[in-house]
Amino acid sequence: MEHGIMYIPKPREWFVERIGKRIFRDSRRVCCGHCARVGKEGLIVHDEQHADYLACVDMDFGAEGIFSNYRDEATQPNDGTPAQNITIKE
């Protein structure tokens, strides 16, 4: 069995539950000014259409090996454990 990282995108419902709330994601190495700002300040899920878009983008980027790791808090524990939606395949 191959070792690697398996990313599990957030389901659409996760984003829908956060309409009107600020969420955060990991910063990307190479990105535009907008993405850099979202990486630092987070973003507010505006409505159901926006929630659908974010779920699709999370899935598409994850398939390309770009893990957004959306979450409710600006920071995540720095104890070496993988994020909740990233698992290490042994």
PDB file of N, CA and C in Angstrom:
ATOM      1  N   MET A   1       0.834  -1.177   0.000  1.00  0.00           N
ATOM      2  CA  MET A   1       0.000   0.000   0.000  1.00  0.00           C
ATOM      3  C   MET A   1       0.885   1.250   0.000  1.00  0.00           C
ATOM      4  N   GLU A   2       0.516   2.216  -0.793  1.00  0.00           N
ATOM      5  CA  GLU A   2       1.286   3.440  -0.920  1.00  0.00           C
ATOM      6  C   GLU A   2       1.013   4.388   0.244  1.00  0.00           C
ATOM      7  N   HIS A   3       2.073   5.002   0.757  1.00  0.00           N
ATOM      8  CA  HIS A   3       1.918   6.001   1.816  1.00  0.00           C
ATOM      9  C   HIS A   3       1.622   7.344   1.177  1.00  0.00           C
ATOM     10  N   GLY A   4       0.824   8.145   1.811  1.00  0.00           N
ATOM     11  CA  GLY A   4       0.525   9.461   1.276  1.00  0.00           C
ATOM     12  C   GLY A   4      -0.515  10.176   2.109  1.00  0.00           C
ATOM     13  N   ILE A   5      -0.941  11.287   1.593  1.00  0.00           N
ATOM     14  CA  ILE A   5      -1.933  12.105   2.278  1.00  0.00           C
ATOM     15  C   ILE A   5      -3.234  12.036   1.503  1.00  0.00           C
ATOM     16  N   MET A   6      -4.314  11.808   2.219  1.00  0.00           N
ATOM     17  CA  MET A   6      -5.634  11.801   1.610  1.00  0.00           C
ATOM     18  C   MET A   6      -6.413  12.967   2.200  1.00  0.00           C
ATOM     19  N   TYR A   7      -6.850  13.858   1.333  1.00  0.00           N
ATOM     20  CA  TYR A   7      -7.597  15.026   1.769  1.00  0.00           C
ATOM     21  C   TYR A   7      -9.082  14.742   1.618  1.00  0.00           C
ATOM     22  N   ILE A   8      -9.850  15.020   2.651  1.00  0.00           N
ATOM     23  CA  ILE A   8     -11.298  14.846   2.609  1.00  0.00           C
ATOM     24  C   ILE A   8     -11.918  16.229   2.613  1.00  0.00           C
ATOM     25  N   PRO A   9     -12.433  16.682   1.456  1.00  0.00           N
ATOM     26  CA  PRO A   9     -13.023  18.027   1.399  1.00  0.00           C
ATOM     27  C   PRO A   9     -14.215  18.161   2.342  1.00  0.00           C
ATOM     28  N   LYS A  10     -14.457  19.382   2.771  1.00  0.00           N
ATOM     29  CA  LYS A  10     -15.629  19.641   3.607  1.00  0.00           C
ATOM     30  C   LYS A  10     -16.889  19.422   2.768  1.00  0.00           C
ATOM     31  N   PRO A  11     -17.919  18.824   3.344  1.00  0.00           N
ATOM     32  CA  PRO A  11     -19.172  18.650   2.594  1.00  0.00           C
ATOM     33  C   PRO A  11     -19.903  19.982   2.438  1.00  0.00           C
ATOM     34  N   ARG A  12     -20.750  20.052   1.451  1.00  0.00           N
ATOM     35  CA  ARG A  12     -21.549  21.252   1.169  1.00  0.00           C
ATOM     36  C   ARG A  12     -22.273  21.723   2.423  1.00  0.00           C
ATOM     37  N   GLU A  13     -22.803  20.796   3.198  1.00  0.00           N
ATOM     38  CA  GLU A  13     -23.562  21.132   4.402  1.00  0.00           C
ATOM     39  C   GLU A  13     -22.717  21.904   5.413  1.00  0.00           C
ATOM     40  N   TRP A  14     -21.421  21.596   5.483  1.00  0.00           N
ATOM     41  CA  TRP A  14     -20.527  22.294   6.408  1.00  0.00           C
ATOM     42  C   TRP A  14     -20.516  23.784   6.078  1.00  0.00           C
ATOM     43  N   PHE A  15     -20.420  24.102   4.783  1.00  0.00           N
ATOM     44  CA  PHE A  15     -20.407  25.506   4.352  1.00  0.00           C
ATOM     45  C   PHE A  15     -21.777  26.161   4.548  1.00  0.00           C
ATOM     46  N   VAL A  16     -22.851  25.427   4.258  1.00  0.00           N
ATOM     47  CA  VAL A  16     -24.207  25.972   4.426  1.00  0.00           C
ATOM     48  C   VAL A  16     -24.452  26.333   5.888  1.00  0.00           C
ATOM     49  N   GLU A  17     -23.995  25.513   6.812  1.00  0.00           N
ATOM     50  CA  GLU A  17     -24.168  25.787   8.243  1.00  0.00           C
ATOM     51  C   GLU A  17     -23.433  27.052   8.688  1.00  0.00           C
ATOM     52  N   ARG A  18     -22.510  27.522   7.869  1.00  0.00           N
ATOM     53  CA  ARG A  18     -21.704  28.686   8.241  1.00  0.00           C
ATOM     54  C   ARG A  18     -22.065  29.940   7.449  1.00  0.00           C
ATOM     55  N   ILE A  19     -23.222  29.950   6.799  1.00  0.00           N
ATOM     56  CA  ILE A  19     -23.675  31.147   6.092  1.00  0.00           C
ATOM     57  C   ILE A  19     -23.771  32.292   7.094  1.00  0.00           C
ATOM     58  N   GLY A  20     -23.179  33.429   6.738  1.00  0.00           N
ATOM     59  CA  GLY A  20     -23.146  34.588   7.612  1.00  0.00           C
ATOM     60  C   GLY A  20     -21.996  34.579   8.602  1.00  0.00           C
ATOM     61  N   LYS A  21     -21.187  33.525   8.591  1.00  0.00           N
ATOM     62  CA  LYS A  21     -20.071  33.412   9.534  1.00  0.00           C
ATOM     63  C   LYS A  21     -18.741  33.465   8.795  1.00  0.00           C
ATOM     64  N   ARG A  22     -17.696  33.817   9.532  1.00  0.00           N
ATOM     65  CA  ARG A  22     -16.341  33.861   8.981  1.00  0.00           C
ATOM     66  C   ARG A  22     -15.689  32.489   9.139  1.00  0.00           C
ATOM     67  N   ILE A  23     -15.069  32.026   8.059  1.00  0.00           N
ATOM     68  CA  ILE A  23     -14.301  30.782   8.096  1.00  0.00           C
ATOM     69  C   ILE A  23     -12.889  31.072   7.604  1.00  0.00           C
ATOM     70  N   PHE A  24     -11.992  30.149   7.848  1.00  0.00           N
ATOM     71  CA  PHE A  24     -10.581  30.335   7.515  1.00  0.00           C
ATOM     72  C   PHE A  24     -10.078  29.123   6.745  1.00  0.00           C
ATOM     73  N   ARG A  25      -8.976  29.338   6.032  1.00  0.00           N
ATOM     74  CA  ARG A  25      -8.333  28.246   5.305  1.00  0.00           C
ATOM     75  C   ARG A  25      -6.833  28.467   5.336  1.00  0.00           C
ATOM     76  N   ASP A  26      -6.102  27.437   4.939  1.00  0.00           N
ATOM     77  CA  ASP A  26      -4.648  27.555   4.875  1.00  0.00           C
ATOM     78  C   ASP A  26      -4.260  28.537   3.784  1.00  0.00           C
ATOM     79  N   SER A  27      -3.139  29.207   3.982  1.00  0.00           N
ATOM     80  CA  SER A  27      -2.596  30.081   2.948  1.00  0.00           C
ATOM     81  C   SER A  27      -1.967  29.221   1.866  1.00  0.00           C
ATOM     82  N   ARG A  28      -1.971  29.736   0.668  1.00  0.00           N
ATOM     83  CA  ARG A  28      -1.360  29.027  -0.460  1.00  0.00           C
ATOM     84  C   ARG A  28      -0.027  29.680  -0.790  1.00  0.00           C
ATOM     85  N   ARG A  29       0.911  28.874  -1.255  1.00  0.00           N
ATOM     86  CA  ARG A  29       2.251  29.403  -1.550  1.00  0.00           C
ATOM     87  C   ARG A  29       2.223  30.458  -2.655  1.00  0.00           C
ATOM     88  N   VAL A  30       1.617  30.136  -3.766  1.00  0.00           N
ATOM     89  CA  VAL A  30       1.538  31.070  -4.887  1.00  0.00           C
ATOM     90  C   VAL A  30       0.079  31.418  -5.088  1.00  0.00           C
ATOM     91  N   CYS A  31      -0.246  32.684  -4.924  1.00  0.00           N
ATOM     92  CA  CYS A  31      -1.644  33.066  -5.059  1.00  0.00           C
ATOM     93  C   CYS A  31      -1.775  34.540  -5.386  1.00  0.00           C
ATOM     94  N   CYS A  32      -2.983  34.918  -5.728  1.00  0.00           N
ATOM     95  CA  CYS A  32      -3.281  36.320  -6.029  1.00  0.00           C
ATOM     96  C   CYS A  32      -3.471  37.089  -4.712  1.00  0.00           C
ATOM     97  N   GLY A  33      -3.616  38.402  -4.828  1.00  0.00           N
ATOM     98  CA  GLY A  33      -3.803  39.242  -3.647  1.00  0.00           C
ATOM     99  C   GLY A  33      -5.048  38.885  -2.861  1.00  0.00           C
ATOM    100  N   HIS A  34      -6.130  38.555  -3.577  1.00  0.00           N
ATOM    101  CA  HIS A  34      -7.380  38.183  -2.902  1.00  0.00           C
ATOM    102  C   HIS A  34      -7.177  36.932  -2.055  1.00  0.00           C
ATOM    103  N   CYS A  35      -6.561  35.901  -2.632  1.00  0.00           N
ATOM    104  CA  CYS A  35      -6.354  34.643  -1.892  1.00  0.00           C
ATOM    105  C   CYS A  35      -5.418  34.847  -0.702  1.00  0.00           C
ATOM    106  N   ALA A  36      -4.411  35.695  -0.872  1.00  0.00           N
ATOM    107  CA  ALA A  36      -3.505  35.975   0.243  1.00  0.00           C
ATOM    108  C   ALA A  36      -4.259  36.644   1.388  1.00  0.00           C
ATOM    109  N   ARG A  37      -5.161  37.580   1.058  1.00  0.00           N
ATOM    110  CA  ARG A  37      -5.959  38.265   2.082  1.00  0.00           C
ATOM    111  C   ARG A  37      -6.896  37.283   2.789  1.00  0.00           C
ATOM    112  N   VAL A  38      -7.541  36.398   2.008  1.00  0.00           N
ATOM    113  CA  VAL A  38      -8.437  35.395   2.608  1.00  0.00           C
ATOM    114  C   VAL A  38      -7.651  34.461   3.520  1.00  0.00           C
ATOM    115  N   GLY A  39      -6.424  34.121   3.136  1.00  0.00           N
ATOM    116  CA  GLY A  39      -5.590  33.271   3.979  1.00  0.00           C
ATOM    117  C   GLY A  39      -5.312  33.896   5.331  1.00  0.00           C
ATOM    118  N   LYS A  40      -5.235  35.218   5.379  1.00  0.00           N
ATOM    119  CA  LYS A  40      -4.952  35.919   6.635  1.00  0.00           C
ATOM    120  C   LYS A  40      -6.220  36.290   7.402  1.00  0.00           C
ATOM    121  N   GLU A  41      -7.240  36.792   6.686  1.00  0.00           N
ATOM    122  CA  GLU A  41      -8.420  37.357   7.333  1.00  0.00           C
ATOM    123  C   GLU A  41      -9.634  36.440   7.342  1.00  0.00           C
ATOM    124  N   GLY A  42      -9.586  35.355   6.581  1.00  0.00           N
ATOM    125  CA  GLY A  42     -10.746  34.493   6.444  1.00  0.00           C
ATOM    126  C   GLY A  42     -11.747  35.083   5.471  1.00  0.00           C
ATOM    127  N   LEU A  43     -12.892  34.452   5.365  1.00  0.00           N
ATOM    128  CA  LEU A  43     -13.948  34.939   4.492  1.00  0.00           C
ATOM    129  C   LEU A  43     -15.291  34.624   5.108  1.00  0.00           C
ATOM    130  N   ILE A  44     -16.296  35.395   4.726  1.00  0.00           N
ATOM    131  CA  ILE A  44     -17.652  35.175   5.220  1.00  0.00           C
ATOM    132  C   ILE A  44     -18.436  34.442   4.135  1.00  0.00           C
ATOM    133  N   VAL A  45     -19.090  33.362   4.515  1.00  0.00           N
ATOM    134  CA  VAL A  45     -19.939  32.624   3.585  1.00  0.00           C
ATOM    135  C   VAL A  45     -21.230  33.434   3.456  1.00  0.00           C
ATOM    136  N   HIS A  46     -21.468  33.982   2.264  1.00  0.00           N
ATOM    137  CA  HIS A  46     -22.559  34.938   2.089  1.00  0.00           C
ATOM    138  C   HIS A  46     -23.937  34.310   1.965  1.00  0.00           C
ATOM    139  N   ASP A  47     -24.048  33.243   1.194  1.00  0.00           N
ATOM    140  CA  ASP A  47     -25.365  32.640   0.953  1.00  0.00           C
ATOM    141  C   ASP A  47     -25.173  31.206   0.473  1.00  0.00           C
ATOM    142  N   GLU A  48     -26.270  30.553   0.128  1.00  0.00           N
ATOM    143  CA  GLU A  48     -26.192  29.144  -0.261  1.00  0.00           C
ATOM    144  C   GLU A  48     -25.402  28.951  -1.552  1.00  0.00           C
ATOM    145  N   GLN A  49     -25.525  29.886  -2.486  1.00  0.00           N
ATOM    146  CA  GLN A  49     -24.759  29.787  -3.730  1.00  0.00           C
ATOM    147  C   GLN A  49     -23.255  29.881  -3.439  1.00  0.00           C
ATOM    148  N   HIS A  50     -22.878  30.775  -2.548  1.00  0.00           N
ATOM    149  CA  HIS A  50     -21.473  30.905  -2.158  1.00  0.00           C
ATOM    150  C   HIS A  50     -21.002  29.626  -1.460  1.00  0.00           C
ATOM    151  N   ALA A  51     -21.850  29.051  -0.615  1.00  0.00           N
ATOM    152  CA  ALA A  51     -21.514  27.799   0.070  1.00  0.00           C
ATOM    153  C   ALA A  51     -21.276  26.678  -0.956  1.00  0.00           C
ATOM    154  N   ASP A  52     -22.141  26.596  -1.971  1.00  0.00           N
ATOM    155  CA  ASP A  52     -21.964  25.597  -3.034  1.00  0.00           C
ATOM    156  C   ASP A  52     -20.629  25.786  -3.742  1.00  0.00           C
ATOM    157  N   TYR A  53     -20.327  27.040  -4.062  1.00  0.00           N
ATOM    158  CA  TYR A  53     -19.077  27.362  -4.756  1.00  0.00           C
ATOM    159  C   TYR A  53     -17.867  26.936  -3.920  1.00  0.00           C
ATOM    160  N   LEU A  54     -17.866  27.284  -2.635  1.00  0.00           N
ATOM    161  CA  LEU A  54     -16.741  26.948  -1.774  1.00  0.00           C
ATOM    162  C   LEU A  54     -16.559  25.434  -1.655  1.00  0.00           C
ATOM    163  N   ALA A  55     -17.650  24.688  -1.557  1.00  0.00           N
ATOM    164  CA  ALA A  55     -17.564  23.230  -1.473  1.00  0.00           C
ATOM    165  C   ALA A  55     -16.960  22.657  -2.755  1.00  0.00           C
ATOM    166  N   CYS A  56     -17.376  23.177  -3.902  1.00  0.00           N
ATOM    167  CA  CYS A  56     -16.837  22.700  -5.189  1.00  0.00           C
ATOM    168  C   CYS A  56     -15.357  23.028  -5.326  1.00  0.00           C
ATOM    169  N   VAL A  57     -14.982  24.241  -4.949  1.00  0.00           N
ATOM    170  CA  VAL A  57     -13.582  24.646  -5.043  1.00  0.00           C
ATOM    171  C   VAL A  57     -12.724  23.811  -4.102  1.00  0.00           C
ATOM    172  N   ASP A  58     -13.212  23.557  -2.899  1.00  0.00           N
ATOM    173  CA  ASP A  58     -12.467  22.732  -1.939  1.00  0.00           C
ATOM    174  C   ASP A  58     -12.216  21.351  -2.529  1.00  0.00           C
ATOM    175  N   MET A  59     -13.226  20.777  -3.168  1.00  0.00           N
ATOM    176  CA  MET A  59     -13.087  19.454  -3.774  1.00  0.00           C
ATOM    177  C   MET A  59     -12.135  19.494  -4.975  1.00  0.00           C
ATOM    178  N   ASP A  60     -12.283  20.493  -5.841  1.00  0.00           N
ATOM    179  CA  ASP A  60     -11.435  20.589  -7.028  1.00  0.00           C
ATOM    180  C   ASP A  60      -9.972  20.810  -6.673  1.00  0.00           C
ATOM    181  N   PHE A  61      -9.704  21.763  -5.764  1.00  0.00           N
ATOM    182  CA  PHE A  61      -8.321  22.002  -5.356  1.00  0.00           C
ATOM    183  C   PHE A  61      -7.741  20.777  -4.650  1.00  0.00           C
ATOM    184  N   GLY A  62      -8.548  20.115  -3.819  1.00  0.00           N
ATOM    185  CA  GLY A  62      -8.083  18.911  -3.130  1.00  0.00           C
ATOM    186  C   GLY A  62      -7.659  17.825  -4.100  1.00  0.00           C
ATOM    187  N   ALA A  63      -8.397  17.687  -5.196  1.00  0.00           N
ATOM    188  CA  ALA A  63      -8.051  16.690  -6.218  1.00  0.00           C
ATOM    189  C   ALA A  63      -6.714  17.013  -6.886  1.00  0.00           C
ATOM    190  N   GLU A  64      -6.335  18.292  -6.866  1.00  0.00           N
ATOM    191  CA  GLU A  64      -5.068  18.731  -7.448  1.00  0.00           C
ATOM    192  C   GLU A  64      -3.929  18.757  -6.426  1.00  0.00           C
ATOM    193  N   GLY A  65      -4.230  18.328  -5.195  1.00  0.00           N
ATOM    194  CA  GLY A  65      -3.206  18.310  -4.155  1.00  0.00           C
ATOM    195  C   GLY A  65      -3.050  19.626  -3.413  1.00  0.00           C
ATOM    196  N   ILE A  66      -4.022  20.531  -3.583  1.00  0.00           N
ATOM    197  CA  ILE A  66      -4.006  21.815  -2.880  1.00  0.00           C
ATOM    198  C   ILE A  66      -5.074  21.734  -1.788  1.00  0.00           C
ATOM    199  N   PHE A  67      -4.644  21.630  -0.545  1.00  0.00           N
ATOM    200  CA  PHE A  67      -5.558  21.392   0.564  1.00  0.00           C
ATOM    201  C   PHE A  67      -5.903  22.702   1.262  1.00  0.00           C
ATOM    202  N   SER A  68      -7.141  23.143   1.119  1.00  0.00           N
ATOM    203  CA  SER A  68      -7.577  24.407   1.711  1.00  0.00           C
ATOM    204  C   SER A  68      -7.719  24.311   3.217  1.00  0.00           C
ATOM    205  N   ASN A  69      -8.126  23.151   3.715  1.00  0.00           N
ATOM    206  CA  ASN A  69      -8.270  22.927   5.154  1.00  0.00           C
ATOM    207  C   ASN A  69      -9.155  23.996   5.794  1.00  0.00           C
ATOM    208  N   TYR A  70     -10.356  24.177   5.258  1.00  0.00           N
ATOM    209  CA  TYR A  70     -11.305  25.157   5.822  1.00  0.00           C
ATOM    210  C   TYR A  70     -11.609  24.806   7.268  1.00  0.00           C
ATOM    211  N   ARG A  71     -11.781  25.841   8.098  1.00  0.00           N
ATOM    212  CA  ARG A  71     -12.020  25.635   9.529  1.00  0.00           C
ATOM    213  C   ARG A  71     -12.687  26.874  10.112  1.00  0.00           C
ATOM    214  N   ASP A  72     -13.157  26.747  11.338  1.00  0.00           N
ATOM    215  CA  ASP A  72     -13.842  27.843  12.026  1.00  0.00           C
ATOM    216  C   ASP A  72     -12.880  28.822  12.696  1.00  0.00           C
ATOM    217  N   GLU A  73     -11.715  28.363  13.063  1.00  0.00           N
ATOM    218  CA  GLU A  73     -10.749  29.191  13.797  1.00  0.00           C
ATOM    219  C   GLU A  73      -9.637  29.658  12.863  1.00  0.00           C
ATOM    220  N   ALA A  74      -9.066  30.821  13.177  1.00  0.00           N
ATOM    221  CA  ALA A  74      -7.998  31.373  12.348  1.00  0.00           C
ATOM    222  C   ALA A  74      -6.744  30.507  12.406  1.00  0.00           C
ATOM    223  N   THR A  75      -6.496  29.919  13.559  1.00  0.00           N
ATOM    224  CA  THR A  75      -5.293  29.103  13.703  1.00  0.00           C
ATOM    225  C   THR A  75      -5.692  27.666  13.991  1.00  0.00           C
ATOM    226  N   GLN A  76      -4.760  26.794  13.748  1.00  0.00           N
ATOM    227  CA  GLN A  76      -4.984  25.388  14.070  1.00  0.00           C
ATOM    228  C   GLN A  76      -3.877  24.937  15.007  1.00  0.00           C
ATOM    229  N   PRO A  77      -4.091  23.863  15.737  1.00  0.00           N
ATOM    230  CA  PRO A  77      -3.050  23.391  16.657  1.00  0.00           C
ATOM    231  C   PRO A  77      -1.749  23.131  15.908  1.00  0.00           C
ATOM    232  N   ASN A  78      -0.649  23.519  16.492  1.00  0.00           N
ATOM    233  CA  ASN A  78       0.652  23.313  15.871  1.00  0.00           C
ATOM    234  C   ASN A  78       1.413  22.218  16.611  1.00  0.00           C
ATOM    235  N   ASP A  79       0.729  21.094  16.818  1.00  0.00           N
ATOM    236  CA  ASP A  79       1.335  20.005  17.573  1.00  0.00           C
ATOM    237  C   ASP A  79       1.782  18.855  16.675  1.00  0.00           C
ATOM    238  N   GLY A  80       1.796  19.086  15.369  1.00  0.00           N
ATOM    239  CA  GLY A  80       2.256  18.059  14.447  1.00  0.00           C
ATOM    240  C   GLY A  80       1.178  17.102  13.985  1.00  0.00           C
ATOM    241  N   THR A  81      -0.025  17.212  14.523  1.00  0.00           N
ATOM    242  CA  THR A  81      -1.099  16.331  14.084  1.00  0.00           C
ATOM    243  C   THR A  81      -1.735  16.897  12.818  1.00  0.00           C
ATOM    244  N   PRO A  82      -2.169  16.027  11.917  1.00  0.00           N
ATOM    245  CA  PRO A  82      -2.798  16.534  10.702  1.00  0.00           C
ATOM    246  C   PRO A  82      -4.135  17.184  11.006  1.00  0.00           C
ATOM    247  N   ALA A  83      -4.560  18.068  10.137  1.00  0.00           N
ATOM    248  CA  ALA A  83      -5.862  18.710  10.287  1.00  0.00           C
ATOM    249  C   ALA A  83      -6.955  17.657  10.257  1.00  0.00           C
ATOM    250  N   GLN A  84      -8.118  18.004  10.744  1.00  0.00           N
ATOM    251  CA  GLN A  84      -9.218  17.060  10.883  1.00  0.00           C
ATOM    252  C   GLN A  84      -9.594  16.393   9.557  1.00  0.00           C
ATOM    253  N   ASN A  85      -9.523  17.121   8.456  1.00  0.00           N
ATOM    254  CA  ASN A  85      -9.955  16.553   7.188  1.00  0.00           C
ATOM    255  C   ASN A  85      -8.790  16.101   6.321  1.00  0.00           C
ATOM    256  N   ILE A  86      -7.605  15.937   6.920  1.00  0.00           N
ATOM    257  CA  ILE A  86      -6.460  15.387   6.201  1.00  0.00           C
ATOM    258  C   ILE A  86      -5.997  14.158   6.968  1.00  0.00           C
ATOM    259  N   THR A  87      -5.935  13.028   6.285  1.00  0.00           N
ATOM    260  CA  THR A  87      -5.497  11.802   6.939  1.00  0.00           C
ATOM    261  C   THR A  87      -4.258  11.261   6.239  1.00  0.00           C
ATOM    262  N   ILE A  88      -3.413  10.628   6.991  1.00  0.00           N
ATOM    263  CA  ILE A  88      -2.209  10.011   6.462  1.00  0.00           C
ATOM    264  C   ILE A  88      -2.505   8.549   6.177  1.00  0.00           C
ATOM    265  N   LYS A  89      -2.328   8.143   4.923  1.00  0.00           N
ATOM    266  CA  LYS A  89      -2.559   6.741   4.554  1.00  0.00           C
ATOM    267  C   LYS A  89      -1.291   5.952   4.864  1.00  0.00           C
ATOM    268  N   GLU A  90      -1.413   4.892   5.635  1.00  0.00           N
ATOM    269  CA  GLU A  90      -0.264   4.060   6.008  1.00  0.00           C
ATOM    270  C   GLU A  90      -0.192   2.828   5.158  1.00  0.00           C
TER     271      GLU A  90
END
